[in-house]
Amino acid sequence: MINDEIKAKEVLVIGPNGEQVGIKSIEDARTLASYANLDLVLMNPNGTPPVCKVMDYNKYRYERQKKEKEALKKQRASQAELKEFRLSPVIDVGDFETKLRNVIKYLKKGDKIKLSIRFKGRQMAHTELGQEVLERFSARTLEYAEISEKPKLDGRTMTMMLVPKKDK
């Protein structure tokens, strides 16, 4: 609430430079703000007495929106999504290229990628084929991603993690 919207009888007034002016009647506080060509802004309505500050309200609102936007950007950056792509040790060229295009698209957006290969039946005897597929895949995404976890076999599944490169 600002200026005439404030309904309290007495308020604790803080000056434009952060100095404490003291407890004033609402009329005196409004007069003080109007002489300074600024607004009287209610900062803490629950205080005894309520706390008001003399400031430029539009500038305050602009700064607050700017901080909120910045905080939202940082929050998005820290919450990069994890996308999982399943490959096969006997993947065909067309499927490989399609998955590669999709992975690059997500890496550009800033998401982390988990590549996994599931070995079935006798494929377990040739896990090196799966490792070759993962290494070929990571080699093709080298300009967009870094390998955060090398290919490792866990049971019947081999996994590898890619993270987007940081722009310098």
N, C-alpha and C. Protein backbone atom coordinates (compact mmCIF):
# COMPACT_ATOMS: atom_id res chain seq x y z
N MET A 1 0.85 -1.18 0.00
CA MET A 1 0.00 0.00 0.00
C MET A 1 0.89 1.24 0.00
N ILE A 2 0.44 2.25 -0.71
CA ILE A 2 1.22 3.48 -0.78
C ILE A 2 0.32 4.69 -0.53
N ASN A 3 0.93 5.77 -0.08
CA ASN A 3 0.31 7.08 0.14
C ASN A 3 -1.07 7.03 0.80
N ASP A 4 -2.14 7.37 0.06
CA ASP A 4 -3.49 7.49 0.63
C ASP A 4 -4.13 6.14 0.96
N GLU A 5 -3.55 5.04 0.51
CA GLU A 5 -4.13 3.72 0.79
C GLU A 5 -3.82 3.27 2.22
N ILE A 6 -2.85 3.89 2.87
CA ILE A 6 -2.46 3.50 4.23
C ILE A 6 -3.49 4.06 5.21
N LYS A 7 -4.07 3.17 6.05
CA LYS A 7 -5.16 3.56 6.94
C LYS A 7 -4.76 3.71 8.41
N ALA A 8 -3.51 3.41 8.76
CA ALA A 8 -3.09 3.48 10.16
C ALA A 8 -3.09 4.94 10.64
N LYS A 9 -3.28 5.15 11.96
CA LYS A 9 -3.29 6.50 12.53
C LYS A 9 -1.86 7.01 12.71
N GLU A 10 -0.97 6.16 13.26
CA GLU A 10 0.42 6.52 13.48
C GLU A 10 1.32 5.48 12.82
N VAL A 11 2.44 5.93 12.28
CA VAL A 11 3.38 5.01 11.63
C VAL A 11 4.81 5.37 12.02
N LEU A 12 5.67 4.36 12.01
CA LEU A 12 7.11 4.58 12.19
C LEU A 12 7.66 4.91 10.81
N VAL A 13 8.27 6.09 10.67
CA VAL A 13 8.71 6.56 9.35
C VAL A 13 10.22 6.37 9.22
N ILE A 14 10.61 5.79 8.07
CA ILE A 14 12.02 5.65 7.72
C ILE A 14 12.26 6.56 6.52
N GLY A 15 13.30 7.36 6.61
CA GLY A 15 13.58 8.35 5.57
C GLY A 15 14.10 7.73 4.28
N PRO A 16 14.26 8.55 3.23
CA PRO A 16 14.71 8.04 1.93
C PRO A 16 16.12 7.47 1.95
N ASN A 17 16.96 7.88 2.91
CA ASN A 17 18.33 7.38 2.98
C ASN A 17 18.48 6.26 4.00
N GLY A 18 17.35 5.77 4.53
CA GLY A 18 17.39 4.67 5.49
C GLY A 18 17.45 5.11 6.93
N GLU A 19 17.46 6.42 7.18
CA GLU A 19 17.51 6.90 8.56
C GLU A 19 16.10 6.84 9.18
N GLN A 20 16.05 6.59 10.48
CA GLN A 20 14.77 6.47 11.17
C GLN A 20 14.32 7.86 11.59
N VAL A 21 13.16 8.29 11.08
CA VAL A 21 12.64 9.62 11.36
C VAL A 21 11.88 9.60 12.69
N GLY A 22 11.17 8.52 12.98
CA GLY A 22 10.43 8.39 14.23
C GLY A 22 8.96 8.10 13.99
N ILE A 23 8.20 8.06 15.07
CA ILE A 23 6.76 7.78 14.99
C ILE A 23 6.05 9.10 14.68
N LYS A 24 5.29 9.10 13.60
CA LYS A 24 4.58 10.30 13.14
C LYS A 24 3.12 9.92 12.88
N SER A 25 2.25 10.93 12.87
CA SER A 25 0.87 10.69 12.44
C SER A 25 0.90 10.47 10.93
N ILE A 26 -0.11 9.82 10.41
CA ILE A 26 -0.12 9.47 8.98
C ILE A 26 -0.11 10.73 8.10
N GLU A 27 -0.77 11.80 8.56
CA GLU A 27 -0.79 13.05 7.78
C GLU A 27 0.62 13.66 7.69
N ASP A 28 1.33 13.67 8.85
CA ASP A 28 2.69 14.21 8.86
C ASP A 28 3.61 13.40 7.94
N ALA A 29 3.44 12.08 7.98
CA ALA A 29 4.27 11.20 7.16
C ALA A 29 4.02 11.44 5.67
N ARG A 30 2.75 11.62 5.30
CA ARG A 30 2.41 11.89 3.89
C ARG A 30 2.99 13.24 3.45
N THR A 31 2.91 14.23 4.34
CA THR A 31 3.44 15.57 4.04
C THR A 31 4.95 15.49 3.83
N LEU A 32 5.61 14.75 4.73
CA LEU A 32 7.06 14.56 4.63
C LEU A 32 7.44 13.95 3.29
N ALA A 33 6.68 12.92 2.86
CA ALA A 33 6.94 12.25 1.58
C ALA A 33 6.68 13.18 0.40
N SER A 34 5.60 13.97 0.47
CA SER A 34 5.27 14.84 -0.66
C SER A 34 6.30 15.97 -0.80
N TYR A 35 6.85 16.47 0.33
CA TYR A 35 7.91 17.49 0.25
C TYR A 35 9.15 16.94 -0.43
N ALA A 36 9.42 15.67 -0.22
CA ALA A 36 10.60 15.05 -0.83
C ALA A 36 10.31 14.58 -2.26
N ASN A 37 9.08 14.81 -2.73
CA ASN A 37 8.65 14.36 -4.07
C ASN A 37 8.76 12.84 -4.22
N LEU A 38 8.46 12.12 -3.13
CA LEU A 38 8.52 10.66 -3.12
C LEU A 38 7.20 10.10 -2.60
N ASP A 39 7.14 8.78 -2.49
CA ASP A 39 5.93 8.11 -2.01
C ASP A 39 6.16 7.59 -0.60
N LEU A 40 5.05 7.45 0.15
CA LEU A 40 5.08 6.82 1.46
C LEU A 40 4.61 5.38 1.26
N VAL A 41 5.50 4.41 1.50
CA VAL A 41 5.21 3.00 1.21
C VAL A 41 5.14 2.22 2.52
N LEU A 42 4.06 1.47 2.70
CA LEU A 42 3.88 0.64 3.89
C LEU A 42 4.75 -0.61 3.74
N MET A 43 5.79 -0.73 4.57
CA MET A 43 6.73 -1.85 4.47
C MET A 43 6.32 -3.02 5.37
N ASN A 44 5.86 -2.72 6.60
CA ASN A 44 5.48 -3.77 7.54
C ASN A 44 4.15 -3.39 8.20
N PRO A 45 3.03 -3.88 7.67
CA PRO A 45 1.73 -3.50 8.22
C PRO A 45 1.46 -4.15 9.59
N ASN A 46 2.20 -5.21 9.94
CA ASN A 46 1.95 -5.94 11.19
C ASN A 46 2.74 -5.39 12.36
N GLY A 47 3.63 -4.43 12.14
CA GLY A 47 4.44 -3.89 13.21
C GLY A 47 3.61 -3.03 14.14
N THR A 48 4.16 -2.74 15.33
CA THR A 48 3.47 -1.85 16.26
C THR A 48 4.39 -0.69 16.53
N PRO A 49 4.23 0.48 16.01
CA PRO A 49 3.27 0.83 14.96
C PRO A 49 3.73 0.33 13.58
N PRO A 50 2.84 0.38 12.56
CA PRO A 50 3.23 -0.06 11.21
C PRO A 50 4.41 0.76 10.70
N VAL A 51 5.28 0.12 9.91
CA VAL A 51 6.49 0.77 9.42
C VAL A 51 6.29 1.24 7.98
N CYS A 52 6.58 2.52 7.73
CA CYS A 52 6.48 3.08 6.38
C CYS A 52 7.83 3.66 6.00
N LYS A 53 8.10 3.64 4.70
CA LYS A 53 9.36 4.19 4.21
C LYS A 53 9.07 5.22 3.13
N VAL A 54 9.84 6.29 3.14
CA VAL A 54 9.73 7.33 2.12
C VAL A 54 10.66 6.93 0.99
N MET A 55 10.09 6.65 -0.20
CA MET A 55 10.90 6.19 -1.34
C MET A 55 10.16 6.42 -2.64
N ASP A 56 10.88 6.23 -3.74
CA ASP A 56 10.27 6.27 -5.07
C ASP A 56 9.70 4.88 -5.33
N TYR A 57 8.37 4.76 -5.28
CA TYR A 57 7.73 3.44 -5.34
C TYR A 57 7.95 2.75 -6.69
N ASN A 58 7.89 3.49 -7.78
CA ASN A 58 8.06 2.87 -9.10
C ASN A 58 9.47 2.29 -9.25
N LYS A 59 10.48 3.01 -8.74
CA LYS A 59 11.85 2.52 -8.80
C LYS A 59 11.98 1.26 -7.94
N TYR A 60 11.36 1.27 -6.77
CA TYR A 60 11.39 0.11 -5.85
C TYR A 60 10.76 -1.11 -6.52
N ARG A 61 9.61 -0.90 -7.15
CA ARG A 61 8.90 -2.00 -7.82
C ARG A 61 9.73 -2.57 -8.98
N TYR A 62 10.36 -1.67 -9.74
CA TYR A 62 11.21 -2.08 -10.86
C TYR A 62 12.38 -2.92 -10.37
N GLU A 63 13.06 -2.47 -9.31
CA GLU A 63 14.21 -3.21 -8.76
C GLU A 63 13.79 -4.58 -8.25
N ARG A 64 12.62 -4.64 -7.60
CA ARG A 64 12.12 -5.91 -7.06
C ARG A 64 11.81 -6.90 -8.19
N GLN A 65 11.19 -6.42 -9.27
CA GLN A 65 10.90 -7.29 -10.42
C GLN A 65 12.18 -7.80 -11.06
N LYS A 66 13.18 -6.93 -11.12
CA LYS A 66 14.47 -7.30 -11.71
C LYS A 66 15.13 -8.41 -10.88
N LYS A 67 15.09 -8.28 -9.55
CA LYS A 67 15.66 -9.31 -8.67
C LYS A 67 14.91 -10.63 -8.81
N GLU A 68 13.58 -10.57 -8.92
CA GLU A 68 12.78 -11.79 -9.07
C GLU A 68 13.11 -12.51 -10.37
N LYS A 69 13.29 -11.75 -11.45
CA LYS A 69 13.64 -12.34 -12.74
C LYS A 69 15.00 -13.03 -12.66
N GLU A 70 15.94 -12.37 -12.02
CA GLU A 70 17.29 -12.92 -11.88
C GLU A 70 17.26 -14.20 -11.05
N ALA A 71 16.47 -14.19 -9.98
CA ALA A 71 16.36 -15.38 -9.13
C ALA A 71 15.73 -16.53 -9.91
N LEU A 72 14.76 -16.22 -10.77
CA LEU A 72 14.10 -17.24 -11.58
C LEU A 72 15.08 -17.84 -12.58
N LYS A 73 15.95 -17.01 -13.17
CA LYS A 73 16.96 -17.50 -14.11
C LYS A 73 17.90 -18.47 -13.41
N LYS A 74 18.37 -18.09 -12.20
CA LYS A 74 19.28 -18.95 -11.45
C LYS A 74 18.60 -20.25 -11.06
N GLN A 75 17.31 -20.17 -10.73
CA GLN A 75 16.57 -21.36 -10.34
C GLN A 75 16.46 -22.32 -11.53
N ARG A 76 16.18 -21.77 -12.70
CA ARG A 76 16.08 -22.62 -13.90
C ARG A 76 17.41 -23.29 -14.21
N ALA A 77 18.49 -22.53 -14.06
CA ALA A 77 19.81 -23.08 -14.36
C ALA A 77 20.16 -24.23 -13.43
N SER A 78 19.77 -24.10 -12.17
CA SER A 78 20.12 -25.16 -11.22
C SER A 78 19.18 -26.36 -11.34
N GLN A 79 18.06 -26.19 -12.00
CA GLN A 79 17.11 -27.29 -12.13
C GLN A 79 17.11 -27.87 -13.54
N ALA A 80 18.29 -28.03 -14.10
CA ALA A 80 18.38 -28.61 -15.44
C ALA A 80 17.78 -30.01 -15.40
N GLU A 81 16.91 -30.28 -16.34
CA GLU A 81 16.22 -31.56 -16.35
C GLU A 81 17.14 -32.67 -16.81
N LEU A 82 16.83 -33.88 -16.38
CA LEU A 82 17.57 -35.06 -16.81
C LEU A 82 16.72 -35.79 -17.84
N LYS A 83 17.25 -35.90 -19.04
CA LYS A 83 16.55 -36.61 -20.11
C LYS A 83 17.26 -37.94 -20.35
N GLU A 84 16.50 -39.00 -20.47
CA GLU A 84 17.11 -40.30 -20.68
C GLU A 84 16.81 -40.79 -22.11
N PHE A 85 17.84 -41.29 -22.75
CA PHE A 85 17.71 -41.85 -24.09
C PHE A 85 18.21 -43.28 -24.05
N ARG A 86 17.41 -44.20 -24.59
CA ARG A 86 17.80 -45.61 -24.65
C ARG A 86 18.32 -45.92 -26.04
N LEU A 87 19.47 -46.52 -26.07
CA LEU A 87 20.07 -46.95 -27.33
C LEU A 87 20.15 -48.47 -27.31
N SER A 88 20.58 -49.02 -28.43
CA SER A 88 20.74 -50.47 -28.54
C SER A 88 22.15 -50.75 -29.04
N PRO A 89 22.74 -51.88 -28.64
CA PRO A 89 24.09 -52.18 -29.16
C PRO A 89 24.09 -52.42 -30.67
N VAL A 90 22.92 -52.73 -31.25
CA VAL A 90 22.83 -52.97 -32.70
C VAL A 90 21.97 -51.89 -33.36
N ILE A 91 22.13 -50.62 -32.91
CA ILE A 91 21.30 -49.52 -33.42
C ILE A 91 21.64 -49.24 -34.88
N ASP A 92 20.62 -48.93 -35.66
CA ASP A 92 20.79 -48.64 -37.07
C ASP A 92 21.20 -47.17 -37.25
N VAL A 93 21.75 -46.81 -38.39
CA VAL A 93 22.26 -45.47 -38.65
C VAL A 93 21.15 -44.42 -38.54
N GLY A 94 20.00 -44.69 -39.11
CA GLY A 94 18.88 -43.72 -39.07
C GLY A 94 18.42 -43.45 -37.66
N ASP A 95 18.25 -44.50 -36.87
CA ASP A 95 17.84 -44.34 -35.47
C ASP A 95 18.90 -43.58 -34.68
N PHE A 96 20.16 -43.90 -34.95
CA PHE A 96 21.27 -43.24 -34.27
C PHE A 96 21.24 -41.74 -34.54
N GLU A 97 21.06 -41.37 -35.82
CA GLU A 97 21.05 -39.95 -36.21
C GLU A 97 19.87 -39.22 -35.59
N THR A 98 18.70 -39.86 -35.55
CA THR A 98 17.50 -39.25 -34.97
C THR A 98 17.72 -38.97 -33.49
N LYS A 99 18.21 -39.97 -32.77
CA LYS A 99 18.45 -39.79 -31.33
C LYS A 99 19.52 -38.73 -31.10
N LEU A 100 20.52 -38.70 -31.96
CA LEU A 100 21.59 -37.71 -31.85
C LEU A 100 21.03 -36.30 -32.00
N ARG A 101 20.16 -36.10 -33.00
CA ARG A 101 19.54 -34.77 -33.21
C ARG A 101 18.74 -34.35 -31.97
N ASN A 102 17.96 -35.28 -31.40
CA ASN A 102 17.15 -34.96 -30.22
C ASN A 102 18.03 -34.64 -29.02
N VAL A 103 19.10 -35.39 -28.84
CA VAL A 103 20.02 -35.15 -27.72
C VAL A 103 20.66 -33.78 -27.85
N ILE A 104 21.09 -33.42 -29.04
CA ILE A 104 21.72 -32.11 -29.26
C ILE A 104 20.73 -30.99 -28.97
N LYS A 105 19.47 -31.19 -29.36
CA LYS A 105 18.44 -30.18 -29.10
C LYS A 105 18.29 -29.95 -27.59
N TYR A 106 18.25 -31.04 -26.81
CA TYR A 106 18.12 -30.92 -25.35
C TYR A 106 19.38 -30.34 -24.71
N LEU A 107 20.54 -30.69 -25.25
CA LEU A 107 21.79 -30.14 -24.71
C LEU A 107 21.83 -28.63 -24.92
N LYS A 108 21.35 -28.16 -26.07
CA LYS A 108 21.33 -26.72 -26.34
C LYS A 108 20.40 -26.00 -25.37
N LYS A 109 19.32 -26.69 -24.95
CA LYS A 109 18.39 -26.13 -23.97
C LYS A 109 18.98 -26.12 -22.57
N GLY A 110 20.04 -26.91 -22.34
CA GLY A 110 20.69 -26.93 -21.03
C GLY A 110 20.34 -28.13 -20.18
N ASP A 111 19.71 -29.15 -20.77
CA ASP A 111 19.35 -30.33 -20.00
C ASP A 111 20.50 -31.32 -19.94
N LYS A 112 20.52 -32.12 -18.87
CA LYS A 112 21.50 -33.20 -18.75
C LYS A 112 20.94 -34.41 -19.49
N ILE A 113 21.81 -35.23 -20.02
CA ILE A 113 21.40 -36.40 -20.80
C ILE A 113 21.96 -37.66 -20.17
N LYS A 114 21.10 -38.66 -20.02
CA LYS A 114 21.54 -39.98 -19.56
C LYS A 114 21.31 -40.95 -20.72
N LEU A 115 22.38 -41.53 -21.21
CA LEU A 115 22.29 -42.52 -22.29
C LEU A 115 22.38 -43.90 -21.67
N SER A 116 21.48 -44.78 -22.07
CA SER A 116 21.55 -46.14 -21.52
C SER A 116 21.36 -47.16 -22.64
N ILE A 117 22.06 -48.27 -22.47
CA ILE A 117 21.94 -49.39 -23.40
C ILE A 117 21.56 -50.61 -22.57
N ARG A 118 20.49 -51.27 -22.96
CA ARG A 118 20.03 -52.48 -22.26
C ARG A 118 20.45 -53.69 -23.10
N PHE A 119 21.20 -54.57 -22.50
CA PHE A 119 21.66 -55.78 -23.21
C PHE A 119 20.66 -56.90 -22.98
N LYS A 120 20.29 -57.58 -24.07
CA LYS A 120 19.32 -58.68 -23.99
C LYS A 120 20.01 -59.99 -24.40
N GLY A 121 19.70 -61.03 -23.69
CA GLY A 121 20.15 -62.37 -24.06
C GLY A 121 21.65 -62.47 -24.28
N ARG A 122 22.02 -62.93 -25.49
CA ARG A 122 23.44 -63.17 -25.78
C ARG A 122 24.24 -61.90 -26.03
N GLN A 123 23.55 -60.75 -26.07
CA GLN A 123 24.28 -59.48 -26.23
C GLN A 123 25.20 -59.22 -25.05
N MET A 124 24.91 -59.85 -23.90
CA MET A 124 25.74 -59.67 -22.70
C MET A 124 27.18 -60.16 -22.95
N ALA A 125 27.35 -61.07 -23.90
CA ALA A 125 28.69 -61.58 -24.21
C ALA A 125 29.52 -60.53 -24.95
N HIS A 126 28.85 -59.52 -25.53
CA HIS A 126 29.56 -58.51 -26.33
C HIS A 126 29.20 -57.10 -25.85
N THR A 127 29.49 -56.82 -24.59
CA THR A 127 29.19 -55.49 -24.05
C THR A 127 30.06 -54.41 -24.69
N GLU A 128 31.18 -54.83 -25.29
CA GLU A 128 32.06 -53.84 -25.94
C GLU A 128 31.35 -53.17 -27.11
N LEU A 129 30.38 -53.85 -27.75
CA LEU A 129 29.60 -53.23 -28.84
C LEU A 129 28.79 -52.05 -28.30
N GLY A 130 28.19 -52.25 -27.14
CA GLY A 130 27.42 -51.16 -26.51
C GLY A 130 28.31 -50.00 -26.14
N GLN A 131 29.50 -50.31 -25.64
CA GLN A 131 30.43 -49.26 -25.26
C GLN A 131 30.87 -48.46 -26.49
N GLU A 132 31.07 -49.15 -27.60
CA GLU A 132 31.43 -48.47 -28.85
C GLU A 132 30.33 -47.51 -29.28
N VAL A 133 29.07 -47.94 -29.17
CA VAL A 133 27.94 -47.08 -29.55
C VAL A 133 27.94 -45.82 -28.68
N LEU A 134 28.12 -45.99 -27.37
CA LEU A 134 28.13 -44.83 -26.46
C LEU A 134 29.30 -43.90 -26.76
N GLU A 135 30.46 -44.47 -27.05
CA GLU A 135 31.63 -43.64 -27.35
C GLU A 135 31.45 -42.89 -28.67
N ARG A 136 30.85 -43.56 -29.65
CA ARG A 136 30.58 -42.91 -30.94
C ARG A 136 29.58 -41.76 -30.73
N PHE A 137 28.58 -42.01 -29.88
CA PHE A 137 27.56 -41.00 -29.59
C PHE A 137 28.19 -39.79 -28.91
N SER A 138 29.05 -40.04 -27.92
CA SER A 138 29.67 -38.92 -27.19
C SER A 138 30.64 -38.15 -28.10
N ALA A 139 31.30 -38.85 -29.01
CA ALA A 139 32.21 -38.18 -29.94
C ALA A 139 31.45 -37.22 -30.85
N ARG A 140 30.23 -37.59 -31.25
CA ARG A 140 29.42 -36.73 -32.13
C ARG A 140 28.83 -35.53 -31.38
N THR A 141 28.70 -35.63 -30.03
CA THR A 141 28.13 -34.51 -29.26
C THR A 141 29.21 -33.70 -28.56
N LEU A 142 30.46 -33.88 -28.95
CA LEU A 142 31.59 -33.27 -28.26
C LEU A 142 31.52 -31.74 -28.21
N GLU A 143 31.02 -31.10 -29.27
CA GLU A 143 30.99 -29.64 -29.26
C GLU A 143 29.86 -29.07 -28.40
N TYR A 144 28.88 -29.90 -28.02
CA TYR A 144 27.76 -29.44 -27.20
C TYR A 144 27.82 -29.93 -25.77
N ALA A 145 28.53 -31.04 -25.52
CA ALA A 145 28.47 -31.67 -24.20
C ALA A 145 29.83 -32.17 -23.72
N GLU A 146 29.89 -32.35 -22.40
CA GLU A 146 31.04 -32.98 -21.78
C GLU A 146 30.54 -34.27 -21.14
N ILE A 147 31.42 -35.24 -21.02
CA ILE A 147 31.04 -36.50 -20.39
C ILE A 147 31.23 -36.34 -18.88
N SER A 148 30.14 -36.48 -18.13
CA SER A 148 30.27 -36.38 -16.67
C SER A 148 30.48 -37.75 -16.05
N GLU A 149 29.94 -38.79 -16.69
CA GLU A 149 30.18 -40.17 -16.24
C GLU A 149 30.53 -41.01 -17.46
N LYS A 150 31.65 -41.67 -17.39
CA LYS A 150 32.06 -42.57 -18.48
C LYS A 150 31.10 -43.75 -18.53
N PRO A 151 31.05 -44.48 -19.67
CA PRO A 151 30.18 -45.65 -19.76
C PRO A 151 30.53 -46.68 -18.69
N LYS A 152 29.51 -47.13 -17.96
CA LYS A 152 29.76 -48.17 -16.96
C LYS A 152 28.62 -49.17 -16.99
N LEU A 153 28.97 -50.42 -16.79
CA LEU A 153 28.02 -51.52 -16.85
C LEU A 153 27.48 -51.79 -15.45
N ASP A 154 26.16 -51.82 -15.34
CA ASP A 154 25.50 -52.10 -14.07
C ASP A 154 24.43 -53.16 -14.34
N GLY A 155 24.77 -54.41 -14.08
CA GLY A 155 23.85 -55.49 -14.41
C GLY A 155 23.77 -55.67 -15.91
N ARG A 156 22.57 -55.54 -16.47
CA ARG A 156 22.37 -55.66 -17.93
C ARG A 156 22.33 -54.31 -18.63
N THR A 157 22.54 -53.22 -17.87
CA THR A 157 22.43 -51.87 -18.43
C THR A 157 23.76 -51.14 -18.36
N MET A 158 24.13 -50.51 -19.46
CA MET A 158 25.32 -49.68 -19.50
C MET A 158 24.84 -48.23 -19.62
N THR A 159 25.34 -47.35 -18.73
CA THR A 159 24.88 -45.96 -18.75
C THR A 159 26.06 -45.01 -18.88
N MET A 160 25.72 -43.81 -19.37
CA MET A 160 26.70 -42.73 -19.52
C MET A 160 25.96 -41.41 -19.37
N MET A 161 26.59 -40.42 -18.70
CA MET A 161 25.95 -39.13 -18.50
C MET A 161 26.67 -38.05 -19.30
N LEU A 162 25.88 -37.19 -19.93
CA LEU A 162 26.42 -36.02 -20.65
C LEU A 162 25.83 -34.76 -20.02
N VAL A 163 26.67 -33.74 -19.85
CA VAL A 163 26.19 -32.45 -19.37
C VAL A 163 26.54 -31.39 -20.41
N PRO A 164 25.68 -30.37 -20.56
CA PRO A 164 25.97 -29.33 -21.56
C PRO A 164 27.23 -28.57 -21.21
N LYS A 165 27.96 -28.15 -22.25
CA LYS A 165 29.19 -27.37 -22.04
C LYS A 165 28.78 -25.97 -21.57
N LYS A 166 29.60 -25.41 -20.69
CA LYS A 166 29.37 -24.05 -20.21
C LYS A 166 29.93 -23.08 -21.25
N ASP A 167 29.13 -22.07 -21.60
CA ASP A 167 29.61 -21.06 -22.56
C ASP A 167 30.52 -20.10 -21.83
N LYS A 168 31.66 -19.83 -22.43
CA LYS A 168 32.62 -18.94 -21.78
C LYS A 168 32.64 -17.61 -22.48
